[in-house]
């Protein structure tokens, strides 16, 4: 299992367009990735990163920390790709 935390850089958080971009990217990864919002240092319930609705239910706003997790041979590659995407301003 591979995990990585990152901060949400989009000013609208993981909603609308940013959630769609993240979900499409997650769906194209070789490993299934889950994502959870970190509150008080503790990850909440994870959702499928390839689900737009799941991402939007996290309520992850600009500056919030999220944790991405995947298992298997391509876990690091898949998680790193999504972490780097989320760390960018996807509103532009």
N, C-alpha and C. Protein backbone atom coordinates (compact mmCIF):
# COMPACT_ATOMS: atom_id res chain seq x y z
N UNK A 1 0.85 -1.18 0.00
CA UNK A 1 0.00 0.00 0.00
C UNK A 1 0.89 1.23 0.00
N UNK A 2 0.48 2.22 -0.77
CA UNK A 2 1.21 3.48 -0.86
C UNK A 2 0.24 4.61 -0.56
N UNK A 3 0.65 5.54 0.30
CA UNK A 3 -0.17 6.69 0.67
C UNK A 3 0.64 7.96 0.49
N UNK A 4 -0.07 9.02 0.17
CA UNK A 4 0.57 10.33 0.06
C UNK A 4 -0.45 11.40 0.38
N UNK A 5 -0.01 12.42 1.09
CA UNK A 5 -0.88 13.56 1.40
C UNK A 5 -0.47 14.75 0.56
N UNK A 6 -1.46 15.57 0.23
CA UNK A 6 -1.21 16.80 -0.51
C UNK A 6 -2.28 17.82 -0.16
N UNK A 7 -2.03 19.07 -0.52
CA UNK A 7 -2.99 20.14 -0.27
C UNK A 7 -3.76 20.44 -1.55
N UNK A 8 -5.04 20.78 -1.39
CA UNK A 8 -5.89 21.14 -2.53
C UNK A 8 -5.56 22.57 -2.93
N UNK A 9 -5.12 22.76 -4.18
CA UNK A 9 -4.68 24.07 -4.65
C UNK A 9 -5.76 24.85 -5.40
N UNK A 10 -6.82 24.19 -5.85
CA UNK A 10 -7.87 24.89 -6.59
C UNK A 10 -8.68 25.77 -5.66
N UNK A 11 -8.95 26.99 -6.09
CA UNK A 11 -9.66 27.94 -5.23
C UNK A 11 -11.08 27.48 -4.89
N UNK A 12 -11.68 26.65 -5.74
CA UNK A 12 -13.04 26.14 -5.45
C UNK A 12 -12.98 24.77 -4.78
N UNK A 13 -11.79 24.29 -4.48
CA UNK A 13 -11.65 22.97 -3.87
C UNK A 13 -11.90 21.87 -4.88
N UNK A 14 -12.26 20.70 -4.40
CA UNK A 14 -12.52 19.57 -5.30
C UNK A 14 -14.00 19.55 -5.67
N UNK A 15 -14.43 20.57 -6.40
CA UNK A 15 -15.81 20.70 -6.84
C UNK A 15 -15.82 20.98 -8.34
N UNK A 16 -16.90 20.67 -8.98
CA UNK A 16 -17.15 20.97 -10.39
C UNK A 16 -15.99 20.56 -11.30
N UNK A 17 -15.38 21.53 -11.97
CA UNK A 17 -14.34 21.23 -12.96
C UNK A 17 -13.14 20.49 -12.35
N UNK A 18 -12.58 20.95 -11.23
CA UNK A 18 -11.45 20.21 -10.65
C UNK A 18 -11.80 18.76 -10.31
N UNK A 19 -12.99 18.52 -9.78
CA UNK A 19 -13.39 17.15 -9.45
C UNK A 19 -13.48 16.30 -10.70
N UNK A 20 -13.97 16.87 -11.78
CA UNK A 20 -14.06 16.15 -13.05
C UNK A 20 -12.68 15.78 -13.59
N UNK A 21 -11.75 16.71 -13.51
CA UNK A 21 -10.39 16.45 -13.98
C UNK A 21 -9.71 15.37 -13.15
N UNK A 22 -9.87 15.45 -11.85
CA UNK A 22 -9.26 14.45 -10.97
C UNK A 22 -9.89 13.08 -11.22
N UNK A 23 -11.21 13.02 -11.32
CA UNK A 23 -11.90 11.75 -11.54
C UNK A 23 -11.47 11.11 -12.87
N UNK A 24 -11.39 11.90 -13.94
CA UNK A 24 -10.96 11.37 -15.24
C UNK A 24 -9.52 10.84 -15.17
N UNK A 25 -8.67 11.59 -14.50
CA UNK A 25 -7.27 11.16 -14.36
C UNK A 25 -7.19 9.88 -13.53
N UNK A 26 -7.97 9.81 -12.46
CA UNK A 26 -7.97 8.61 -11.60
C UNK A 26 -8.47 7.40 -12.37
N UNK A 27 -9.49 7.59 -13.19
CA UNK A 27 -10.05 6.47 -13.96
C UNK A 27 -9.03 5.91 -14.96
N UNK A 28 -8.09 6.74 -15.39
CA UNK A 28 -7.08 6.30 -16.34
C UNK A 28 -5.83 5.72 -15.71
N UNK A 29 -5.79 5.64 -14.40
CA UNK A 29 -4.61 5.11 -13.71
C UNK A 29 -4.66 3.59 -13.64
N UNK A 30 -3.48 2.95 -13.61
CA UNK A 30 -3.45 1.49 -13.53
C UNK A 30 -3.89 0.93 -12.18
N UNK A 31 -3.80 1.72 -11.12
CA UNK A 31 -4.23 1.26 -9.79
C UNK A 31 -5.44 2.07 -9.35
N UNK A 32 -6.34 1.44 -8.60
CA UNK A 32 -7.50 2.15 -8.06
C UNK A 32 -7.03 2.99 -6.88
N UNK A 33 -7.39 4.28 -6.91
CA UNK A 33 -6.96 5.21 -5.87
C UNK A 33 -8.17 5.67 -5.08
N UNK A 34 -8.00 5.72 -3.77
CA UNK A 34 -9.02 6.31 -2.91
C UNK A 34 -8.47 7.61 -2.34
N UNK A 35 -9.38 8.48 -1.93
CA UNK A 35 -8.98 9.78 -1.39
C UNK A 35 -9.82 10.08 -0.16
N UNK A 36 -9.18 10.66 0.85
CA UNK A 36 -9.87 11.03 2.09
C UNK A 36 -9.43 12.42 2.50
N UNK A 37 -10.35 13.19 3.05
CA UNK A 37 -10.03 14.51 3.57
C UNK A 37 -9.44 14.35 4.97
N UNK A 38 -8.39 15.10 5.27
CA UNK A 38 -7.74 15.06 6.57
C UNK A 38 -8.35 16.15 7.44
N UNK A 39 -8.83 15.76 8.61
CA UNK A 39 -9.38 16.71 9.58
C UNK A 39 -8.70 16.46 10.92
N UNK A 40 -8.09 17.48 11.47
CA UNK A 40 -7.36 17.38 12.74
C UNK A 40 -6.31 16.26 12.68
N UNK A 41 -5.68 16.13 11.51
CA UNK A 41 -4.62 15.15 11.34
C UNK A 41 -5.06 13.73 11.07
N UNK A 42 -6.38 13.51 11.02
CA UNK A 42 -6.92 12.16 10.85
C UNK A 42 -7.70 12.08 9.54
N UNK A 43 -7.42 11.05 8.71
CA UNK A 43 -8.18 10.91 7.47
C UNK A 43 -9.62 10.48 7.75
N UNK A 44 -10.55 11.07 7.01
CA UNK A 44 -11.95 10.69 7.11
C UNK A 44 -12.21 9.45 6.27
N UNK A 45 -13.47 9.19 5.99
CA UNK A 45 -13.84 8.04 5.17
C UNK A 45 -13.36 8.25 3.73
N UNK A 46 -12.66 7.26 3.18
CA UNK A 46 -12.17 7.41 1.81
C UNK A 46 -13.27 7.19 0.78
N UNK A 47 -13.10 7.85 -0.38
CA UNK A 47 -13.99 7.66 -1.51
C UNK A 47 -13.15 7.30 -2.72
N UNK A 48 -13.78 6.73 -3.72
CA UNK A 48 -13.11 6.39 -4.97
C UNK A 48 -12.72 7.69 -5.68
N UNK A 49 -11.43 7.86 -5.97
CA UNK A 49 -10.96 9.08 -6.62
C UNK A 49 -11.47 9.21 -8.05
N UNK A 50 -11.98 8.14 -8.64
CA UNK A 50 -12.52 8.18 -10.00
C UNK A 50 -13.99 8.58 -10.02
N UNK A 51 -14.57 8.89 -8.87
CA UNK A 51 -15.98 9.26 -8.77
C UNK A 51 -16.12 10.77 -8.53
N UNK A 52 -16.70 11.47 -9.50
CA UNK A 52 -16.91 12.91 -9.34
C UNK A 52 -17.79 13.18 -8.12
N UNK A 53 -18.86 12.43 -7.97
CA UNK A 53 -19.74 12.64 -6.82
C UNK A 53 -19.02 12.34 -5.51
N UNK A 54 -18.22 11.28 -5.50
CA UNK A 54 -17.45 10.95 -4.30
C UNK A 54 -16.51 12.09 -3.93
N UNK A 55 -15.82 12.63 -4.92
CA UNK A 55 -14.90 13.74 -4.66
C UNK A 55 -15.64 14.95 -4.12
N UNK A 56 -16.79 15.25 -4.67
CA UNK A 56 -17.55 16.41 -4.22
C UNK A 56 -18.10 16.22 -2.81
N UNK A 57 -18.40 14.98 -2.42
CA UNK A 57 -18.92 14.74 -1.07
C UNK A 57 -17.85 14.90 0.00
N UNK A 58 -16.58 14.88 -0.39
CA UNK A 58 -15.50 15.09 0.58
C UNK A 58 -15.58 16.47 1.22
N UNK A 59 -16.04 17.43 0.44
CA UNK A 59 -16.08 18.81 0.94
C UNK A 59 -14.68 19.39 1.09
N UNK A 60 -13.74 18.93 0.26
CA UNK A 60 -12.36 19.41 0.34
C UNK A 60 -12.25 20.78 -0.32
N UNK A 61 -11.91 21.78 0.47
CA UNK A 61 -11.81 23.16 0.00
C UNK A 61 -10.35 23.52 -0.26
N UNK A 62 -10.14 24.71 -0.80
CA UNK A 62 -8.80 25.23 -1.04
C UNK A 62 -7.98 25.16 0.25
N UNK A 63 -6.80 24.60 0.16
CA UNK A 63 -5.90 24.53 1.31
C UNK A 63 -6.10 23.32 2.21
N UNK A 64 -7.18 22.56 2.00
CA UNK A 64 -7.41 21.36 2.80
C UNK A 64 -6.40 20.28 2.41
N UNK A 65 -6.07 19.45 3.37
CA UNK A 65 -5.17 18.33 3.11
C UNK A 65 -5.99 17.08 2.81
N UNK A 66 -5.54 16.32 1.82
CA UNK A 66 -6.19 15.06 1.47
C UNK A 66 -5.13 13.97 1.44
N UNK A 67 -5.59 12.74 1.66
CA UNK A 67 -4.70 11.59 1.61
C UNK A 67 -5.15 10.64 0.51
N UNK A 68 -4.23 10.31 -0.38
CA UNK A 68 -4.49 9.39 -1.48
C UNK A 68 -3.86 8.05 -1.15
N UNK A 69 -4.57 6.96 -1.46
CA UNK A 69 -4.09 5.62 -1.15
C UNK A 69 -4.37 4.68 -2.31
N UNK A 70 -3.41 3.79 -2.58
CA UNK A 70 -3.60 2.75 -3.59
C UNK A 70 -2.76 1.54 -3.21
N UNK A 71 -3.13 0.40 -3.77
CA UNK A 71 -2.39 -0.84 -3.53
C UNK A 71 -1.97 -1.45 -4.86
N UNK A 72 -0.94 -2.27 -4.82
CA UNK A 72 -0.51 -2.98 -6.02
C UNK A 72 0.74 -2.40 -6.63
N UNK A 73 1.12 -3.01 -7.75
CA UNK A 73 2.36 -2.66 -8.43
C UNK A 73 2.41 -1.20 -8.88
N UNK A 74 1.32 -0.66 -9.32
CA UNK A 74 1.30 0.70 -9.86
C UNK A 74 0.79 1.73 -8.85
N UNK A 75 0.76 1.36 -7.58
CA UNK A 75 0.20 2.25 -6.56
C UNK A 75 0.93 3.59 -6.51
N UNK A 76 2.25 3.55 -6.44
CA UNK A 76 3.01 4.81 -6.33
C UNK A 76 2.79 5.70 -7.55
N UNK A 77 2.85 5.14 -8.72
CA UNK A 77 2.65 5.88 -9.97
C UNK A 77 1.26 6.54 -10.00
N UNK A 78 0.25 5.78 -9.63
CA UNK A 78 -1.13 6.28 -9.67
C UNK A 78 -1.36 7.37 -8.64
N UNK A 79 -0.92 7.14 -7.42
CA UNK A 79 -1.10 8.12 -6.34
C UNK A 79 -0.33 9.40 -6.65
N UNK A 80 0.91 9.27 -7.08
CA UNK A 80 1.73 10.45 -7.36
C UNK A 80 1.12 11.30 -8.48
N UNK A 81 0.58 10.66 -9.50
CA UNK A 81 -0.05 11.41 -10.60
C UNK A 81 -1.22 12.25 -10.10
N UNK A 82 -2.04 11.66 -9.24
CA UNK A 82 -3.19 12.40 -8.71
C UNK A 82 -2.77 13.46 -7.70
N UNK A 83 -1.80 13.15 -6.86
CA UNK A 83 -1.34 14.12 -5.86
C UNK A 83 -0.79 15.36 -6.55
N UNK A 84 -0.03 15.16 -7.61
CA UNK A 84 0.53 16.30 -8.35
C UNK A 84 -0.56 17.11 -9.03
N UNK A 85 -1.59 16.45 -9.52
CA UNK A 85 -2.71 17.16 -10.15
C UNK A 85 -3.46 17.99 -9.12
N UNK A 86 -3.78 17.41 -7.99
CA UNK A 86 -4.54 18.10 -6.94
C UNK A 86 -3.76 19.29 -6.39
N UNK A 87 -2.45 19.20 -6.39
CA UNK A 87 -1.60 20.28 -5.88
C UNK A 87 -1.48 21.45 -6.86
N UNK A 88 -2.13 21.34 -8.03
CA UNK A 88 -2.15 22.42 -9.02
C UNK A 88 -3.48 23.17 -8.94
N UNK A 89 -3.46 24.44 -9.38
CA UNK A 89 -4.69 25.22 -9.47
C UNK A 89 -5.42 24.77 -10.74
N UNK A 90 -6.46 23.98 -10.57
CA UNK A 90 -7.20 23.43 -11.72
C UNK A 90 -8.32 24.34 -12.19
N UNK A 91 -8.43 25.52 -11.62
CA UNK A 91 -9.49 26.46 -11.99
C UNK A 91 -9.14 27.26 -13.24
N UNK A 92 -7.86 27.30 -13.56
CA UNK A 92 -7.40 28.15 -14.66
C UNK A 92 -7.81 27.59 -16.01
